[in-house]
Amino acid sequence: MNPARVGQTGRVIDPRFVYLAAVISVIGAAGYIRDTVRGVSTPNRVTWGLWGVEGVLAFVVELQQHVGLAALMTLMFGLIPLSIVAVSFGHHHGVWRMGPFDVLCGALSLAGIAFWALVHEPTVALISFVVADQLAGLPTIRKSWLVPSSETAWTFFTGVINTAITIMSLRHFTTGGALFPGAILLTDLVIWSLVAFNIGPRVRGERTVIGAT
């Protein structure tokens, strides 16, 4: 991909802030892994597994595009979800039970990744990749609406911070460099809001929230 530059042509902050973003990312992931081990958080393997695959693929592409230090954060977008999935297999009490909706979103996300790999139009490929990432996040968004207590709000809050730092540290503000982390920022913001403010149960008028396994 070699998308045309849009908007600003320089960084907002020093690219070395990406190291700070990586540290914050690890702290956020540690909290989620801790809660998964305890059975407090129940990760949806469809979401986290596909987020991991997509993060690693995006990292490879960014290396080819010479994105710079911002690619480090993209690698974290891949390694952290894969770590959470790996931990979940050792703690079966801390896994969300998947249903037809999760499987459908996973299948559509995989189709989007396949389309991204095959299409030769850079802009179309980028959009299909981002759509695939958003589809992968839908099961966890739905879960956060239904049972917010099954997620760790802090992890997604740190995700918002990480992606914001990543975007501001880009060497050049381009569609190719900003769209993927921007989409992640939006997804993390939605999930964090649903979990932190208990929005689903409040809207439904529920007094208590029962966890799921």
C-alpha atoms as a PDB file:
ATOM      1  CA  MET A   1       0.000   0.000   0.000  1.00  0.00           C
ATOM      2  CA  ASN A   2       1.162   3.517  -0.724  1.00  0.00           C
ATOM      3  CA  PRO A   3      -1.763   5.824   0.123  1.00  0.00           C
ATOM      4  CA  ALA A   4      -1.563   9.520  -0.603  1.00  0.00           C
ATOM      5  CA  ARG A   5      -0.759  11.799   2.290  1.00  0.00           C
ATOM      6  CA  VAL A   6      -3.602  13.764   3.764  1.00  0.00           C
ATOM      7  CA  GLY A   7      -3.791  16.438   6.464  1.00  0.00           C
ATOM      8  CA  GLN A   8      -0.661  17.384   8.381  1.00  0.00           C
ATOM      9  CA  THR A   9       2.740  16.317   7.125  1.00  0.00           C
ATOM     10  CA  GLY A  10       4.643  16.357  10.420  1.00  0.00           C
ATOM     11  CA  ARG A  11       4.463  14.762  13.856  1.00  0.00           C
ATOM     12  CA  VAL A  12       2.479  16.272  16.716  1.00  0.00           C
ATOM     13  CA  ILE A  13       4.724  14.684  19.369  1.00  0.00           C
ATOM     14  CA  ASP A  14       8.168  13.108  19.473  1.00  0.00           C
ATOM     15  CA  PRO A  15       8.087   9.541  18.065  1.00  0.00           C
ATOM     16  CA  ARG A  16       9.834   8.258  21.199  1.00  0.00           C
ATOM     17  CA  PHE A  17       6.511   8.657  23.013  1.00  0.00           C
ATOM     18  CA  VAL A  18       5.651   5.343  21.348  1.00  0.00           C
ATOM     19  CA  TYR A  19       7.849   3.664  23.979  1.00  0.00           C
ATOM     20  CA  LEU A  20       5.614   5.175  26.657  1.00  0.00           C
ATOM     21  CA  ALA A  21       2.567   3.930  24.770  1.00  0.00           C
ATOM     22  CA  ALA A  22       4.074   0.435  24.680  1.00  0.00           C
ATOM     23  CA  VAL A  23       4.644   0.466  28.453  1.00  0.00           C
ATOM     24  CA  ILE A  24       1.077   1.649  29.076  1.00  0.00           C
ATOM     25  CA  SER A  25      -0.136  -1.067  26.741  1.00  0.00           C
ATOM     26  CA  VAL A  26       1.694  -3.750  28.704  1.00  0.00           C
ATOM     27  CA  ILE A  27       0.249  -2.422  31.973  1.00  0.00           C
ATOM     28  CA  GLY A  28      -3.256  -2.523  30.517  1.00  0.00           C
ATOM     29  CA  ALA A  29      -2.733  -6.039  29.193  1.00  0.00           C
ATOM     30  CA  ALA A  30      -1.382  -7.213  32.564  1.00  0.00           C
ATOM     31  CA  GLY A  31      -4.605  -6.079  34.194  1.00  0.00           C
ATOM     32  CA  TYR A  32      -6.703  -8.007  31.696  1.00  0.00           C
ATOM     33  CA  ILE A  33      -4.572 -11.128  32.004  1.00  0.00           C
ATOM     34  CA  ARG A  34      -4.797 -10.923  35.814  1.00  0.00           C
ATOM     35  CA  ASP A  35      -8.580 -10.633  35.659  1.00  0.00           C
ATOM     36  CA  THR A  36      -8.771 -13.507  33.167  1.00  0.00           C
ATOM     37  CA  VAL A  37      -6.768 -15.759  35.489  1.00  0.00           C
ATOM     38  CA  ARG A  38      -9.075 -14.796  38.349  1.00  0.00           C
ATOM     39  CA  GLY A  39     -12.163 -15.443  36.245  1.00  0.00           C
ATOM     40  CA  VAL A  40     -13.271 -11.806  36.534  1.00  0.00           C
ATOM     41  CA  SER A  41     -12.853 -10.979  32.851  1.00  0.00           C
ATOM     42  CA  THR A  42     -13.988 -13.475  30.236  1.00  0.00           C
ATOM     43  CA  PRO A  43     -12.277 -12.728  26.903  1.00  0.00           C
ATOM     44  CA  ASN A  44     -14.088 -13.505  23.690  1.00  0.00           C
ATOM     45  CA  ARG A  45     -11.576 -15.570  21.726  1.00  0.00           C
ATOM     46  CA  VAL A  46     -13.061 -14.545  18.374  1.00  0.00           C
ATOM     47  CA  THR A  47     -12.362 -10.885  19.068  1.00  0.00           C
ATOM     48  CA  TRP A  48      -8.981 -11.243  20.723  1.00  0.00           C
ATOM     49  CA  GLY A  49      -7.711 -13.920  18.331  1.00  0.00           C
ATOM     50  CA  LEU A  50      -8.558 -11.921  15.224  1.00  0.00           C
ATOM     51  CA  TRP A  51      -7.269  -8.695  16.770  1.00  0.00           C
ATOM     52  CA  GLY A  52      -3.967 -10.483  17.324  1.00  0.00           C
ATOM     53  CA  VAL A  53      -3.712 -11.769  13.764  1.00  0.00           C
ATOM     54  CA  GLU A  54      -4.692  -8.401  12.304  1.00  0.00           C
ATOM     55  CA  GLY A  55      -2.231  -6.534  14.501  1.00  0.00           C
ATOM     56  CA  VAL A  56       0.677  -8.712  13.379  1.00  0.00           C
ATOM     57  CA  LEU A  57      -0.329  -8.395   9.721  1.00  0.00           C
ATOM     58  CA  ALA A  58      -0.626  -4.608  10.042  1.00  0.00           C
ATOM     59  CA  PHE A  59       2.819  -4.499  11.650  1.00  0.00           C
ATOM     60  CA  VAL A  60       4.345  -6.349   8.692  1.00  0.00           C
ATOM     61  CA  VAL A  61       2.710  -3.915   6.266  1.00  0.00           C
ATOM     62  CA  GLU A  62       3.921  -0.900   8.248  1.00  0.00           C
ATOM     63  CA  LEU A  63       7.472  -2.225   8.192  1.00  0.00           C
ATOM     64  CA  GLN A  64       7.243  -2.379   4.412  1.00  0.00           C
ATOM     65  CA  GLN A  65       5.921   1.192   4.350  1.00  0.00           C
ATOM     66  CA  HIS A  66       8.685   2.466   6.667  1.00  0.00           C
ATOM     67  CA  VAL A  67       6.145   3.913   9.094  1.00  0.00           C
ATOM     68  CA  GLY A  68       8.807   4.269  11.784  1.00  0.00           C
ATOM     69  CA  LEU A  69       8.528   3.831  15.545  1.00  0.00           C
ATOM     70  CA  ALA A  70       4.734   3.914  15.356  1.00  0.00           C
ATOM     71  CA  ALA A  71       4.952   0.363  13.999  1.00  0.00           C
ATOM     72  CA  LEU A  72       6.081  -0.767  17.464  1.00  0.00           C
ATOM     73  CA  MET A  73       2.651   0.041  18.841  1.00  0.00           C
ATOM     74  CA  THR A  74       1.018  -1.818  15.975  1.00  0.00           C
ATOM     75  CA  LEU A  75       3.064  -4.885  16.911  1.00  0.00           C
ATOM     76  CA  MET A  76       1.720  -4.556  20.448  1.00  0.00           C
ATOM     77  CA  PHE A  77      -1.796  -4.508  18.967  1.00  0.00           C
ATOM     78  CA  GLY A  78      -1.013  -8.016  17.755  1.00  0.00           C
ATOM     79  CA  LEU A  79       1.059  -9.530  20.554  1.00  0.00           C
ATOM     80  CA  ILE A  80      -1.156  -8.455  23.449  1.00  0.00           C
ATOM     81  CA  PRO A  81      -4.406  -9.977  22.112  1.00  0.00           C
ATOM     82  CA  LEU A  82      -2.563 -13.190  21.250  1.00  0.00           C
ATOM     83  CA  SER A  83      -1.185 -13.306  24.802  1.00  0.00           C
ATOM     84  CA  ILE A  84      -4.682 -12.908  26.235  1.00  0.00           C
ATOM     85  CA  VAL A  85      -5.974 -15.740  24.048  1.00  0.00           C
ATOM     86  CA  ALA A  86      -3.092 -17.956  25.140  1.00  0.00           C
ATOM     87  CA  VAL A  87      -3.793 -17.277  28.823  1.00  0.00           C
ATOM     88  CA  SER A  88      -7.497 -17.996  28.356  1.00  0.00           C
ATOM     89  CA  PHE A  89      -6.736 -21.576  27.302  1.00  0.00           C
ATOM     90  CA  GLY A  90      -5.166 -22.223  30.681  1.00  0.00           C
ATOM     91  CA  HIS A  91      -8.161 -20.884  32.591  1.00  0.00           C
ATOM     92  CA  HIS A  92     -11.375 -22.278  31.145  1.00  0.00           C
ATOM     93  CA  HIS A  93     -13.466 -20.531  33.801  1.00  0.00           C
ATOM     94  CA  GLY A  94     -12.328 -17.206  32.320  1.00  0.00           C
ATOM     95  CA  VAL A  95     -13.652 -17.583  28.780  1.00  0.00           C
ATOM     96  CA  TRP A  96     -16.788 -16.167  27.222  1.00  0.00           C
ATOM     97  CA  ARG A  97     -19.080 -18.799  25.722  1.00  0.00           C
ATOM     98  CA  MET A  98     -19.337 -18.098  22.001  1.00  0.00           C
ATOM     99  CA  GLY A  99     -22.604 -18.162  20.071  1.00  0.00           C
ATOM    100  CA  PRO A 100     -23.796 -17.793  16.453  1.00  0.00           C
ATOM    101  CA  PHE A 101     -23.246 -14.020  16.465  1.00  0.00           C
ATOM    102  CA  ASP A 102     -19.601 -14.440  17.470  1.00  0.00           C
ATOM    103  CA  VAL A 103     -19.015 -17.091  14.807  1.00  0.00           C
ATOM    104  CA  LEU A 104     -20.678 -14.942  12.126  1.00  0.00           C
ATOM    105  CA  CYS A 105     -18.573 -11.893  13.008  1.00  0.00           C
ATOM    106  CA  GLY A 106     -15.446 -14.035  13.012  1.00  0.00           C
ATOM    107  CA  ALA A 107     -16.226 -15.499   9.600  1.00  0.00           C
ATOM    108  CA  LEU A 108     -16.933 -12.074   8.096  1.00  0.00           C
ATOM    109  CA  SER A 109     -13.743 -10.685   9.620  1.00  0.00           C
ATOM    110  CA  LEU A 110     -11.698 -13.532   8.122  1.00  0.00           C
ATOM    111  CA  ALA A 111     -13.345 -12.852   4.763  1.00  0.00           C
ATOM    112  CA  GLY A 112     -12.300  -9.219   5.056  1.00  0.00           C
ATOM    113  CA  ILE A 113      -8.712 -10.224   5.791  1.00  0.00           C
ATOM    114  CA  ALA A 114      -8.721 -12.565   2.770  1.00  0.00           C
ATOM    115  CA  PHE A 115     -10.079  -9.779   0.562  1.00  0.00           C
ATOM    116  CA  TRP A 116      -7.395  -7.416   1.883  1.00  0.00           C
ATOM    117  CA  ALA A 117      -4.698  -9.939   0.984  1.00  0.00           C
ATOM    118  CA  LEU A 118      -5.991 -10.467  -2.559  1.00  0.00           C
ATOM    119  CA  VAL A 119      -7.083  -7.013  -3.725  1.00  0.00           C
ATOM    120  CA  HIS A 120      -4.488  -4.818  -5.450  1.00  0.00           C
ATOM    121  CA  GLU A 121      -6.132  -1.421  -4.905  1.00  0.00           C
ATOM    122  CA  PRO A 122      -4.411   0.107  -1.824  1.00  0.00           C
ATOM    123  CA  THR A 123      -7.332   2.201  -0.581  1.00  0.00           C
ATOM    124  CA  VAL A 124      -9.865  -0.595  -0.989  1.00  0.00           C
ATOM    125  CA  ALA A 125      -7.484  -3.042   0.695  1.00  0.00           C
ATOM    126  CA  LEU A 126      -6.951  -0.716   3.649  1.00  0.00           C
ATOM    127  CA  ILE A 127     -10.678  -0.167   4.113  1.00  0.00           C
ATOM    128  CA  SER A 128     -11.398  -3.893   3.956  1.00  0.00           C
ATOM    129  CA  PHE A 129      -8.722  -4.522   6.589  1.00  0.00           C
ATOM    130  CA  VAL A 130     -10.164  -1.919   8.947  1.00  0.00           C
ATOM    131  CA  VAL A 131     -13.691  -3.266   8.409  1.00  0.00           C
ATOM    132  CA  ALA A 132     -12.394  -6.751   9.249  1.00  0.00           C
ATOM    133  CA  ASP A 133     -10.911  -5.379  12.475  1.00  0.00           C
ATOM    134  CA  GLN A 134     -14.175  -3.685  13.425  1.00  0.00           C
ATOM    135  CA  LEU A 135     -16.165  -6.854  12.714  1.00  0.00           C
ATOM    136  CA  ALA A 136     -13.814  -8.755  15.017  1.00  0.00           C
ATOM    137  CA  GLY A 137     -14.585  -6.272  17.781  1.00  0.00           C
ATOM    138  CA  LEU A 138     -18.377  -6.555  17.529  1.00  0.00           C
ATOM    139  CA  PRO A 139     -18.669  -9.673  19.743  1.00  0.00           C
ATOM    140  CA  THR A 140     -16.851  -7.898  22.586  1.00  0.00           C
ATOM    141  CA  ILE A 141     -18.862  -4.712  22.062  1.00  0.00           C
ATOM    142  CA  ARG A 142     -22.034  -6.791  22.321  1.00  0.00           C
ATOM    143  CA  LYS A 143     -20.681  -8.570  25.413  1.00  0.00           C
ATOM    144  CA  SER A 144     -19.784  -5.245  27.018  1.00  0.00           C
ATOM    145  CA  TRP A 145     -23.356  -4.083  26.445  1.00  0.00           C
ATOM    146  CA  LEU A 146     -24.898  -7.256  27.843  1.00  0.00           C
ATOM    147  CA  VAL A 147     -22.499  -8.030  30.704  1.00  0.00           C
ATOM    148  CA  PRO A 148     -20.066  -5.155  31.311  1.00  0.00           C
ATOM    149  CA  SER A 149     -18.788  -6.852  34.463  1.00  0.00           C
ATOM    150  CA  SER A 150     -17.196  -9.509  32.237  1.00  0.00           C
ATOM    151  CA  GLU A 151     -14.656  -7.007  30.901  1.00  0.00           C
ATOM    152  CA  THR A 152     -11.795  -4.926  32.339  1.00  0.00           C
ATOM    153  CA  ALA A 153     -12.451  -1.243  31.659  1.00  0.00           C
ATOM    154  CA  TRP A 154      -8.870  -0.197  32.462  1.00  0.00           C
ATOM    155  CA  THR A 155      -7.432  -2.223  29.572  1.00  0.00           C
ATOM    156  CA  PHE A 156      -9.570  -0.448  26.993  1.00  0.00           C
ATOM    157  CA  PHE A 157      -8.888   2.944  28.564  1.00  0.00           C
ATOM    158  CA  THR A 158      -5.162   2.347  28.131  1.00  0.00           C
ATOM    159  CA  GLY A 159      -5.947   1.308  24.554  1.00  0.00           C
ATOM    160  CA  VAL A 160      -7.442   4.741  23.897  1.00  0.00           C
ATOM    161  CA  ILE A 161      -4.304   6.407  25.264  1.00  0.00           C
ATOM    162  CA  ASN A 162      -1.978   4.120  23.293  1.00  0.00           C
ATOM    163  CA  THR A 163      -3.658   4.675  19.950  1.00  0.00           C
ATOM    164  CA  ALA A 164      -3.869   8.430  20.481  1.00  0.00           C
ATOM    165  CA  ILE A 165      -0.109   8.537  21.163  1.00  0.00           C
ATOM    166  CA  THR A 166       0.536   6.337  18.131  1.00  0.00           C
ATOM    167  CA  ILE A 167      -1.425   8.603  15.808  1.00  0.00           C
ATOM    168  CA  MET A 168       0.220  11.767  17.106  1.00  0.00           C
ATOM    169  CA  SER A 169       3.710  10.277  16.725  1.00  0.00           C
ATOM    170  CA  LEU A 170       3.324   9.307  13.069  1.00  0.00           C
ATOM    171  CA  ARG A 171       6.099  10.546  10.815  1.00  0.00           C
ATOM    172  CA  HIS A 172       3.490  11.619   8.274  1.00  0.00           C
ATOM    173  CA  PHE A 173      -0.233  11.809   8.925  1.00  0.00           C
ATOM    174  CA  THR A 174      -1.547   9.558   6.156  1.00  0.00           C
ATOM    175  CA  THR A 175      -4.647   7.478   5.659  1.00  0.00           C
ATOM    176  CA  GLY A 176      -2.492   4.362   5.650  1.00  0.00           C
ATOM    177  CA  GLY A 177      -0.802   5.238   8.922  1.00  0.00           C
ATOM    178  CA  ALA A 178      -3.722   6.671  10.870  1.00  0.00           C
ATOM    179  CA  LEU A 179      -6.821   4.738   9.814  1.00  0.00           C
ATOM    180  CA  PHE A 180      -5.994   1.435  11.526  1.00  0.00           C
ATOM    181  CA  PRO A 181      -4.997   2.867  14.943  1.00  0.00           C
ATOM    182  CA  GLY A 182      -7.837   5.383  14.617  1.00  0.00           C
ATOM    183  CA  ALA A 183     -10.347   2.559  14.213  1.00  0.00           C
ATOM    184  CA  ILE A 184      -8.860   0.780  17.228  1.00  0.00           C
ATOM    185  CA  LEU A 185      -9.137   3.991  19.265  1.00  0.00           C
ATOM    186  CA  LEU A 186     -12.838   4.239  18.403  1.00  0.00           C
ATOM    187  CA  THR A 187     -13.523   0.598  19.304  1.00  0.00           C
ATOM    188  CA  ASP A 188     -11.627   0.841  22.597  1.00  0.00           C
ATOM    189  CA  LEU A 189     -13.455   4.056  23.467  1.00  0.00           C
ATOM    190  CA  VAL A 190     -16.843   2.431  22.866  1.00  0.00           C
ATOM    191  CA  ILE A 191     -15.996  -0.682  24.911  1.00  0.00           C
ATOM    192  CA  TRP A 192     -14.449   1.346  27.735  1.00  0.00           C
ATOM    193  CA  SER A 193     -17.567   3.544  27.922  1.00  0.00           C
ATOM    194  CA  LEU A 194     -19.918   0.544  27.964  1.00  0.00           C
ATOM    195  CA  VAL A 195     -17.930  -1.167  30.727  1.00  0.00           C
ATOM    196  CA  ALA A 196     -16.915   1.807  32.863  1.00  0.00           C
ATOM    197  CA  PHE A 197     -20.387   3.344  32.954  1.00  0.00           C
ATOM    198  CA  ASN A 198     -22.378   0.093  32.971  1.00  0.00           C
ATOM    199  CA  ILE A 199     -24.435   1.512  30.104  1.00  0.00           C
ATOM    200  CA  GLY A 200     -26.268  -1.640  28.954  1.00  0.00           C
ATOM    201  CA  PRO A 201     -27.712  -2.624  32.345  1.00  0.00           C
ATOM    202  CA  ARG A 202     -28.557   1.003  33.118  1.00  0.00           C
ATOM    203  CA  VAL A 203     -30.503   1.374  29.870  1.00  0.00           C
ATOM    204  CA  ARG A 204     -32.280  -1.933  30.502  1.00  0.00           C
ATOM    205  CA  GLY A 205     -33.048  -0.895  34.074  1.00  0.00           C
ATOM    206  CA  GLU A 206     -31.234  -3.871  35.609  1.00  0.00           C
ATOM    207  CA  ARG A 207     -30.300  -3.650  39.277  1.00  0.00           C
ATOM    208  CA  THR A 208     -27.608  -6.318  39.178  1.00  0.00           C
ATOM    209  CA  VAL A 209     -25.296  -7.734  36.568  1.00  0.00           C
ATOM    210  CA  ILE A 210     -24.584 -11.441  36.431  1.00  0.00           C
ATOM    211  CA  GLY A 211     -21.252 -12.562  34.978  1.00  0.00           C
ATOM    212  CA  ALA A 212     -20.930 -15.150  32.234  1.00  0.00           C
ATOM    213  CA  THR A 213     -18.541 -17.965  31.633  1.00  0.00           C
END
